[in-house]
Amino acid sequence: MSQLLFFILTQYIALNNVVGNFEGTLVCPGLALSQSCRNLGLKDGHIFTALCKDWRGWEVDASIDINTCLLNAADALAPCISSFVQETQ
């Protein structure tokens, strides 16, 4: 998933309080890792949650504080995606 698409997706969730399913690949810049994620959701209005497969293929819960991602789309998004992938390991 491109960083722009991920940013748009998180904005949509934040603005519409959407909880649903999402199947896709999340690529972490600089770490060459990808995760398959589903059960996309929003907790407490600002925590993006998903169920992702880690490098072993095990499904684990992962989350990102959307407020951190949305502070600056150009500078804060990549570290936020990196933290998401690191939490699933």
PDB file of N, CA and C in Angstrom:
ATOM      1  N   MET A   1       0.855  -1.168   0.000  1.00  0.00           N
ATOM      2  CA  MET A   1       0.000   0.000   0.000  1.00  0.00           C
ATOM      3  C   MET A   1       0.900   1.230   0.000  1.00  0.00           C
ATOM      4  N   SER A   2       0.598   2.187  -0.832  1.00  0.00           N
ATOM      5  CA  SER A   2       1.405   3.395  -0.855  1.00  0.00           C
ATOM      6  C   SER A   2       1.173   4.212   0.406  1.00  0.00           C
ATOM      7  N   GLN A   3       2.146   5.038   0.754  1.00  0.00           N
ATOM      8  CA  GLN A   3       2.000   5.892   1.936  1.00  0.00           C
ATOM      9  C   GLN A   3       0.806   6.820   1.788  1.00  0.00           C
ATOM     10  N   LEU A   4       0.589   7.328   0.574  1.00  0.00           N
ATOM     11  CA  LEU A   4      -0.534   8.237   0.353  1.00  0.00           C
ATOM     12  C   LEU A   4      -1.861   7.518   0.588  1.00  0.00           C
ATOM     13  N   LEU A   5      -1.992   6.311   0.052  1.00  0.00           N
ATOM     14  CA  LEU A   5      -3.225   5.555   0.249  1.00  0.00           C
ATOM     15  C   LEU A   5      -3.443   5.242   1.728  1.00  0.00           C
ATOM     16  N   PHE A   6      -2.382   4.881   2.426  1.00  0.00           N
ATOM     17  CA  PHE A   6      -2.486   4.598   3.860  1.00  0.00           C
ATOM     18  C   PHE A   6      -2.930   5.845   4.612  1.00  0.00           C
ATOM     19  N   PHE A   7      -2.385   6.992   4.245  1.00  0.00           N
ATOM     20  CA  PHE A   7      -2.759   8.251   4.892  1.00  0.00           C
ATOM     21  C   PHE A   7      -4.233   8.570   4.647  1.00  0.00           C
ATOM     22  N   ILE A   8      -4.680   8.411   3.401  1.00  0.00           N
ATOM     23  CA  ILE A   8      -6.086   8.665   3.072  1.00  0.00           C
ATOM     24  C   ILE A   8      -6.991   7.712   3.849  1.00  0.00           C
ATOM     25  N   LEU A   9      -6.581   6.457   3.939  1.00  0.00           N
ATOM     26  CA  LEU A   9      -7.366   5.464   4.667  1.00  0.00           C
ATOM     27  C   LEU A   9      -7.491   5.833   6.141  1.00  0.00           C
ATOM     28  N   THR A  10      -6.396   6.236   6.766  1.00  0.00           N
ATOM     29  CA  THR A  10      -6.460   6.604   8.184  1.00  0.00           C
ATOM     30  C   THR A  10      -7.297   7.860   8.382  1.00  0.00           C
ATOM     31  N   GLN A  11      -7.223   8.805   7.449  1.00  0.00           N
ATOM     32  CA  GLN A  11      -8.063   9.993   7.550  1.00  0.00           C
ATOM     33  C   GLN A  11      -9.535   9.616   7.459  1.00  0.00           C
ATOM     34  N   TYR A  12      -9.856   8.725   6.535  1.00  0.00           N
ATOM     35  CA  TYR A  12     -11.243   8.298   6.363  1.00  0.00           C
ATOM     36  C   TYR A  12     -11.763   7.638   7.638  1.00  0.00           C
ATOM     37  N   ILE A  13     -10.958   6.785   8.226  1.00  0.00           N
ATOM     38  CA  ILE A  13     -11.360   6.118   9.470  1.00  0.00           C
ATOM     39  C   ILE A  13     -11.559   7.147  10.572  1.00  0.00           C
ATOM     40  N   ALA A  14     -10.613   8.068  10.705  1.00  0.00           N
ATOM     41  CA  ALA A  14     -10.692   9.066  11.772  1.00  0.00           C
ATOM     42  C   ALA A  14     -11.918   9.962  11.617  1.00  0.00           C
ATOM     43  N   LEU A  15     -12.215  10.357  10.397  1.00  0.00           N
ATOM     44  CA  LEU A  15     -13.321  11.281  10.169  1.00  0.00           C
ATOM     45  C   LEU A  15     -14.683  10.605  10.246  1.00  0.00           C
ATOM     46  N   ASN A  16     -14.745   9.344   9.879  1.00  0.00           N
ATOM     47  CA  ASN A  16     -16.030   8.656   9.797  1.00  0.00           C
ATOM     48  C   ASN A  16     -16.232   7.576  10.858  1.00  0.00           C
ATOM     49  N   ASN A  17     -15.230   7.419  11.726  1.00  0.00           N
ATOM     50  CA  ASN A  17     -15.295   6.414  12.792  1.00  0.00           C
ATOM     51  C   ASN A  17     -15.681   5.042  12.227  1.00  0.00           C
ATOM     52  N   VAL A  18     -15.011   4.661  11.160  1.00  0.00           N
ATOM     53  CA  VAL A  18     -15.312   3.413  10.469  1.00  0.00           C
ATOM     54  C   VAL A  18     -14.639   2.240  11.176  1.00  0.00           C
ATOM     55  N   VAL A  19     -15.372   1.171  11.345  1.00  0.00           N
ATOM     56  CA  VAL A  19     -14.793  -0.084  11.802  1.00  0.00           C
ATOM     57  C   VAL A  19     -15.208  -1.145  10.800  1.00  0.00           C
ATOM     58  N   GLY A  20     -14.256  -1.858  10.240  1.00  0.00           N
ATOM     59  CA  GLY A  20     -14.606  -2.838   9.233  1.00  0.00           C
ATOM     60  C   GLY A  20     -13.460  -3.769   8.938  1.00  0.00           C
ATOM     61  N   ASN A  21     -13.486  -4.383   7.777  1.00  0.00           N
ATOM     62  CA  ASN A  21     -12.455  -5.327   7.372  1.00  0.00           C
ATOM     63  C   ASN A  21     -11.619  -4.747   6.248  1.00  0.00           C
ATOM     64  N   PHE A  22     -10.347  -5.086   6.259  1.00  0.00           N
ATOM     65  CA  PHE A  22      -9.437  -4.619   5.225  1.00  0.00           C
ATOM     66  C   PHE A  22      -8.426  -5.719   4.957  1.00  0.00           C
ATOM     67  N   GLU A  23      -8.286  -6.101   3.720  1.00  0.00           N
ATOM     68  CA  GLU A  23      -7.273  -7.072   3.334  1.00  0.00           C
ATOM     69  C   GLU A  23      -6.269  -6.359   2.446  1.00  0.00           C
ATOM     70  N   GLY A  24      -5.017  -6.428   2.795  1.00  0.00           N
ATOM     71  CA  GLY A  24      -4.032  -5.762   1.976  1.00  0.00           C
ATOM     72  C   GLY A  24      -2.634  -5.972   2.509  1.00  0.00           C
ATOM     73  N   THR A  25      -1.692  -5.252   1.957  1.00  0.00           N
ATOM     74  CA  THR A  25      -0.301  -5.353   2.365  1.00  0.00           C
ATOM     75  C   THR A  25       0.181  -4.000   2.845  1.00  0.00           C
ATOM     76  N   LEU A  26       0.814  -3.995   3.984  1.00  0.00           N
ATOM     77  CA  LEU A  26       1.366  -2.769   4.542  1.00  0.00           C
ATOM     78  C   LEU A  26       2.877  -2.862   4.458  1.00  0.00           C
ATOM     79  N   VAL A  27       3.492  -1.989   3.692  1.00  0.00           N
ATOM     80  CA  VAL A  27       4.936  -2.022   3.504  1.00  0.00           C
ATOM     81  C   VAL A  27       5.581  -0.989   4.405  1.00  0.00           C
ATOM     82  N   CYS A  28       6.573  -1.430   5.136  1.00  0.00           N
ATOM     83  CA  CYS A  28       7.280  -0.539   6.049  1.00  0.00           C
ATOM     84  C   CYS A  28       8.519   0.019   5.358  1.00  0.00           C
ATOM     85  N   PRO A  29       8.573   1.333   5.111  1.00  0.00           N
ATOM     86  CA  PRO A  29       9.738   1.925   4.444  1.00  0.00           C
ATOM     87  C   PRO A  29      11.015   1.687   5.241  1.00  0.00           C
ATOM     88  N   GLY A  30      12.064   1.275   4.566  1.00  0.00           N
ATOM     89  CA  GLY A  30      13.360   1.110   5.200  1.00  0.00           C
ATOM     90  C   GLY A  30      13.569  -0.230   5.878  1.00  0.00           C
ATOM     91  N   LEU A  31      12.507  -0.986   6.117  1.00  0.00           N
ATOM     92  CA  LEU A  31      12.664  -2.273   6.791  1.00  0.00           C
ATOM     93  C   LEU A  31      12.395  -3.452   5.863  1.00  0.00           C
ATOM     94  N   ALA A  32      11.897  -3.174   4.675  1.00  0.00           N
ATOM     95  CA  ALA A  32      11.613  -4.208   3.677  1.00  0.00           C
ATOM     96  C   ALA A  32      10.724  -5.307   4.238  1.00  0.00           C
ATOM     97  N   LEU A  33       9.739  -4.923   5.043  1.00  0.00           N
ATOM     98  CA  LEU A  33       8.790  -5.872   5.606  1.00  0.00           C
ATOM     99  C   LEU A  33       7.400  -5.567   5.079  1.00  0.00           C
ATOM    100  N   SER A  34       6.584  -6.581   4.978  1.00  0.00           N
ATOM    101  CA  SER A  34       5.193  -6.344   4.615  1.00  0.00           C
ATOM    102  C   SER A  34       4.308  -7.206   5.494  1.00  0.00           C
ATOM    103  N   GLN A  35       3.119  -6.734   5.755  1.00  0.00           N
ATOM    104  CA  GLN A  35       2.186  -7.438   6.617  1.00  0.00           C
ATOM    105  C   GLN A  35       0.837  -7.533   5.916  1.00  0.00           C
ATOM    106  N   SER A  36       0.184  -8.663   6.048  1.00  0.00           N
ATOM    107  CA  SER A  36      -1.200  -8.794   5.609  1.00  0.00           C
ATOM    108  C   SER A  36      -2.085  -8.461   6.797  1.00  0.00           C
ATOM    109  N   CYS A  37      -2.993  -7.516   6.605  1.00  0.00           N
ATOM    110  CA  CYS A  37      -3.797  -7.025   7.721  1.00  0.00           C
ATOM    111  C   CYS A  37      -5.286  -7.141   7.411  1.00  0.00           C
ATOM    112  N   ARG A  38      -6.068  -7.351   8.470  1.00  0.00           N
ATOM    113  CA  ARG A  38      -7.522  -7.377   8.339  1.00  0.00           C
ATOM    114  C   ARG A  38      -8.122  -6.855   9.636  1.00  0.00           C
ATOM    115  N   ASN A  39      -9.444  -6.803   9.671  1.00  0.00           N
ATOM    116  CA  ASN A  39     -10.160  -6.288  10.845  1.00  0.00           C
ATOM    117  C   ASN A  39      -9.713  -4.874  11.214  1.00  0.00           C
ATOM    118  N   LEU A  40      -9.665  -4.042  10.208  1.00  0.00           N
ATOM    119  CA  LEU A  40      -9.311  -2.648  10.407  1.00  0.00           C
ATOM    120  C   LEU A  40     -10.321  -1.984  11.332  1.00  0.00           C
ATOM    121  N   GLY A  41      -9.853  -1.201  12.282  1.00  0.00           N
ATOM    122  CA  GLY A  41     -10.781  -0.550  13.195  1.00  0.00           C
ATOM    123  C   GLY A  41     -10.198   0.701  13.817  1.00  0.00           C
ATOM    124  N   LEU A  42     -11.003   1.359  14.607  1.00  0.00           N
ATOM    125  CA  LEU A  42     -10.590   2.568  15.299  1.00  0.00           C
ATOM    126  C   LEU A  42     -11.004   2.451  16.757  1.00  0.00           C
ATOM    127  N   LYS A  43     -10.058   2.659  17.665  1.00  0.00           N
ATOM    128  CA  LYS A  43     -10.304   2.536  19.099  1.00  0.00           C
ATOM    129  C   LYS A  43     -10.116   3.902  19.745  1.00  0.00           C
ATOM    130  N   ASP A  44     -11.028   4.274  20.599  1.00  0.00           N
ATOM    131  CA  ASP A  44     -10.963   5.547  21.328  1.00  0.00           C
ATOM    132  C   ASP A  44     -10.860   6.754  20.403  1.00  0.00           C
ATOM    133  N   GLY A  45     -11.292   6.613  19.157  1.00  0.00           N
ATOM    134  CA  GLY A  45     -11.327   7.734  18.235  1.00  0.00           C
ATOM    135  C   GLY A  45     -10.008   8.118  17.606  1.00  0.00           C
ATOM    136  N   HIS A  46      -8.895   7.475  18.000  1.00  0.00           N
ATOM    137  CA  HIS A  46      -7.610   7.889  17.431  1.00  0.00           C
ATOM    138  C   HIS A  46      -6.587   6.762  17.333  1.00  0.00           C
ATOM    139  N   ILE A  47      -6.926   5.561  17.735  1.00  0.00           N
ATOM    140  CA  ILE A  47      -5.971   4.459  17.653  1.00  0.00           C
ATOM    141  C   ILE A  47      -6.415   3.495  16.553  1.00  0.00           C
ATOM    142  N   PHE A  48      -5.623   3.466  15.489  1.00  0.00           N
ATOM    143  CA  PHE A  48      -5.866   2.587  14.354  1.00  0.00           C
ATOM    144  C   PHE A  48      -5.467   1.173  14.761  1.00  0.00           C
ATOM    145  N   THR A  49      -6.366   0.206  14.604  1.00  0.00           N
ATOM    146  CA  THR A  49      -6.075  -1.173  14.993  1.00  0.00           C
ATOM    147  C   THR A  49      -6.265  -2.111  13.810  1.00  0.00           C
ATOM    148  N   ALA A  50      -5.552  -3.208  13.824  1.00  0.00           N
ATOM    149  CA  ALA A  50      -5.686  -4.221  12.786  1.00  0.00           C
ATOM    150  C   ALA A  50      -5.121  -5.535  13.299  1.00  0.00           C
ATOM    151  N   LEU A  51      -5.540  -6.603  12.675  1.00  0.00           N
ATOM    152  CA  LEU A  51      -4.989  -7.924  12.944  1.00  0.00           C
ATOM    153  C   LEU A  51      -4.058  -8.236  11.787  1.00  0.00           C
ATOM    154  N   CYS A  52      -2.767  -8.419  12.072  1.00  0.00           N
ATOM    155  CA  CYS A  52      -1.766  -8.579  11.022  1.00  0.00           C
ATOM    156  C   CYS A  52      -0.983  -9.873  11.196  1.00  0.00           C
ATOM    157  N   LYS A  53      -0.466 -10.372  10.089  1.00  0.00           N
ATOM    158  CA  LYS A  53       0.419 -11.532  10.149  1.00  0.00           C
ATOM    159  C   LYS A  53       1.852 -11.038  10.302  1.00  0.00           C
ATOM    160  N   ASP A  54       2.577 -11.620  11.257  1.00  0.00           N
ATOM    161  CA  ASP A  54       3.974 -11.244  11.433  1.00  0.00           C
ATOM    162  C   ASP A  54       4.859 -12.084  10.509  1.00  0.00           C
ATOM    163  N   TRP A  55       6.171 -11.958  10.643  1.00  0.00           N
ATOM    164  CA  TRP A  55       7.095 -12.642   9.749  1.00  0.00           C
ATOM    165  C   TRP A  55       7.005 -14.164   9.866  1.00  0.00           C
ATOM    166  N   ARG A  56       6.435 -14.663  10.981  1.00  0.00           N
ATOM    167  CA  ARG A  56       6.259 -16.107  11.150  1.00  0.00           C
ATOM    168  C   ARG A  56       4.939 -16.593  10.567  1.00  0.00           C
ATOM    169  N   GLY A  57       4.077 -15.646  10.161  1.00  0.00           N
ATOM    170  CA  GLY A  57       2.766 -16.009   9.657  1.00  0.00           C
ATOM    171  C   GLY A  57       1.702 -16.081  10.731  1.00  0.00           C
ATOM    172  N   TRP A  58       2.051 -15.693  11.961  1.00  0.00           N
ATOM    173  CA  TRP A  58       1.096 -15.691  13.065  1.00  0.00           C
ATOM    174  C   TRP A  58       0.309 -14.395  13.054  1.00  0.00           C
ATOM    175  N   GLU A  59      -0.986 -14.472  13.339  1.00  0.00           N
ATOM    176  CA  GLU A  59      -1.799 -13.261  13.409  1.00  0.00           C
ATOM    177  C   GLU A  59      -1.653 -12.622  14.786  1.00  0.00           C
ATOM    178  N   VAL A  60      -1.355 -11.339  14.780  1.00  0.00           N
ATOM    179  CA  VAL A  60      -1.159 -10.599  16.024  1.00  0.00           C
ATOM    180  C   VAL A  60      -1.881  -9.257  15.934  1.00  0.00           C
ATOM    181  N   ASP A  61      -2.279  -8.726  17.077  1.00  0.00           N
ATOM    182  CA  ASP A  61      -2.895  -7.403  17.121  1.00  0.00           C
ATOM    183  C   ASP A  61      -1.824  -6.338  16.959  1.00  0.00           C
ATOM    184  N   ALA A  62      -2.151  -5.278  16.238  1.00  0.00           N
ATOM    185  CA  ALA A  62      -1.232  -4.158  16.069  1.00  0.00           C
ATOM    186  C   ALA A  62      -2.025  -2.867  16.111  1.00  0.00           C
ATOM    187  N   SER A  63      -1.353  -1.787  16.461  1.00  0.00           N
ATOM    188  CA  SER A  63      -2.055  -0.507  16.534  1.00  0.00           C
ATOM    189  C   SER A  63      -1.103   0.652  16.272  1.00  0.00           C
ATOM    190  N   ILE A  64      -1.698   1.753  15.817  1.00  0.00           N
ATOM    191  CA  ILE A  64      -0.974   3.009  15.621  1.00  0.00           C
ATOM    192  C   ILE A  64      -1.842   4.114  16.193  1.00  0.00           C
ATOM    193  N   ASP A  65      -1.229   5.077  16.857  1.00  0.00           N
ATOM    194  CA  ASP A  65      -1.959   6.269  17.274  1.00  0.00           C
ATOM    195  C   ASP A  65      -2.092   7.168  16.049  1.00  0.00           C
ATOM    196  N   ILE A  66      -3.302   7.296  15.539  1.00  0.00           N
ATOM    197  CA  ILE A  66      -3.531   8.061  14.312  1.00  0.00           C
ATOM    198  C   ILE A  66      -3.128   9.523  14.482  1.00  0.00           C
ATOM    199  N   ASN A  67      -3.264  10.069  15.682  1.00  0.00           N
ATOM    200  CA  ASN A  67      -2.876  11.462  15.899  1.00  0.00           C
ATOM    201  C   ASN A  67      -1.428  11.689  15.500  1.00  0.00           C
ATOM    202  N   THR A  68      -0.562  10.739  15.782  1.00  0.00           N
ATOM    203  CA  THR A  68       0.845  10.846  15.406  1.00  0.00           C
ATOM    204  C   THR A  68       0.998  10.850  13.896  1.00  0.00           C
ATOM    205  N   CYS A  69       0.244   9.989  13.223  1.00  0.00           N
ATOM    206  CA  CYS A  69       0.349   9.903  11.761  1.00  0.00           C
ATOM    207  C   CYS A  69      -0.149  11.175  11.088  1.00  0.00           C
ATOM    208  N   LEU A  70      -1.187  11.777  11.646  1.00  0.00           N
ATOM    209  CA  LEU A  70      -1.837  12.889  10.969  1.00  0.00           C
ATOM    210  C   LEU A  70      -1.233  14.248  11.282  1.00  0.00           C
ATOM    211  N   LEU A  71      -0.266  14.301  12.203  1.00  0.00           N
ATOM    212  CA  LEU A  71       0.334  15.593  12.523  1.00  0.00           C
ATOM    213  C   LEU A  71       1.008  16.206  11.302  1.00  0.00           C
ATOM    214  N   ASN A  72       1.740  15.391  10.563  1.00  0.00           N
ATOM    215  CA  ASN A  72       2.441  15.871   9.379  1.00  0.00           C
ATOM    216  C   ASN A  72       2.529  14.719   8.393  1.00  0.00           C
ATOM    217  N   ALA A  73       1.755  14.787   7.342  1.00  0.00           N
ATOM    218  CA  ALA A  73       1.665  13.659   6.410  1.00  0.00           C
ATOM    219  C   ALA A  73       3.012  13.328   5.777  1.00  0.00           C
ATOM    220  N   ALA A  74       3.808  14.339   5.501  1.00  0.00           N
ATOM    221  CA  ALA A  74       5.066  14.099   4.804  1.00  0.00           C
ATOM    222  C   ALA A  74       6.141  13.528   5.726  1.00  0.00           C
ATOM    223  N   ASP A  75       6.203  14.008   6.963  1.00  0.00           N
ATOM    224  CA  ASP A  75       7.306  13.635   7.843  1.00  0.00           C
ATOM    225  C   ASP A  75       6.963  12.562   8.862  1.00  0.00           C
ATOM    226  N   ALA A  76       5.727  12.537   9.337  1.00  0.00           N
ATOM    227  CA  ALA A  76       5.392  11.641  10.443  1.00  0.00           C
ATOM    228  C   ALA A  76       4.842  10.298   9.997  1.00  0.00           C
ATOM    229  N   LEU A  77       4.458  10.164   8.735  1.00  0.00           N
ATOM    230  CA  LEU A  77       3.780   8.944   8.314  1.00  0.00           C
ATOM    231  C   LEU A  77       4.713   7.742   8.265  1.00  0.00           C
ATOM    232  N   ALA A  78       5.897   7.890   7.688  1.00  0.00           N
ATOM    233  CA  ALA A  78       6.803   6.747   7.580  1.00  0.00           C
ATOM    234  C   ALA A  78       7.205   6.185   8.946  1.00  0.00           C
ATOM    235  N   PRO A  79       7.575   7.013   9.929  1.00  0.00           N
ATOM    236  CA  PRO A  79       7.875   6.468  11.254  1.00  0.00           C
ATOM    237  C   PRO A  79       6.675   5.771  11.866  1.00  0.00           C
ATOM    238  N   CYS A  80       5.482   6.280  11.596  1.00  0.00           N
ATOM    239  CA  CYS A  80       4.274   5.677  12.138  1.00  0.00           C
ATOM    240  C   CYS A  80       4.056   4.298  11.526  1.00  0.00           C
ATOM    241  N   ILE A  81       4.256   4.175  10.228  1.00  0.00           N
ATOM    242  CA  ILE A  81       4.115   2.875   9.586  1.00  0.00           C
ATOM    243  C   ILE A  81       5.192   1.928  10.109  1.00  0.00           C
ATOM    244  N   SER A  82       6.404   2.430  10.306  1.00  0.00           N
ATOM    245  CA  SER A  82       7.477   1.600  10.836  1.00  0.00           C
ATOM    246  C   SER A  82       7.116   1.065  12.210  1.00  0.00           C
ATOM    247  N   SER A  83       6.542   1.902  13.064  1.00  0.00           N
ATOM    248  CA  SER A  83       6.201   1.454  14.408  1.00  0.00           C
ATOM    249  C   SER A  83       5.096   0.405  14.355  1.00  0.00           C
ATOM    250  N   PHE A  84       4.215   0.533  13.390  1.00  0.00           N
ATOM    251  CA  PHE A  84       3.140  -0.447  13.228  1.00  0.00           C
ATOM    252  C   PHE A  84       3.727  -1.820  12.927  1.00  0.00           C
ATOM    253  N   VAL A  85       4.658  -1.879  11.995  1.00  0.00           N
ATOM    254  CA  VAL A  85       5.245  -3.159  11.625  1.00  0.00           C
ATOM    255  C   VAL A  85       6.072  -3.719  12.775  1.00  0.00           C
ATOM    256  N   GLN A  86       6.817  -2.873  13.466  1.00  0.00           N
ATOM    257  CA  GLN A  86       7.647  -3.342  14.569  1.00  0.00           C
ATOM    258  C   GLN A  86       6.802  -3.927  15.694  1.00  0.00           C
ATOM    259  N   GLU A  87       5.618  -3.373  15.938  1.00  0.00           N
ATOM    260  CA  GLU A  87       4.756  -3.880  16.996  1.00  0.00           C
ATOM    261  C   GLU A  87       4.236  -5.273  16.690  1.00  0.00           C
ATOM    262  N   THR A  88       4.190  -5.662  15.425  1.00  0.00           N
ATOM    263  CA  THR A  88       3.638  -6.969  15.074  1.00  0.00           C
ATOM    264  C   THR A  88       4.679  -8.076  15.189  1.00  0.00           C
ATOM    265  N   GLN A  89       5.933  -7.744  15.411  1.00  0.00           N
ATOM    266  CA  GLN A  89       6.973  -8.773  15.463  1.00  0.00           C
ATOM    267  C   GLN A  89       7.070  -9.407  16.834  1.00  0.00           C
TER     268      GLN A  89
END
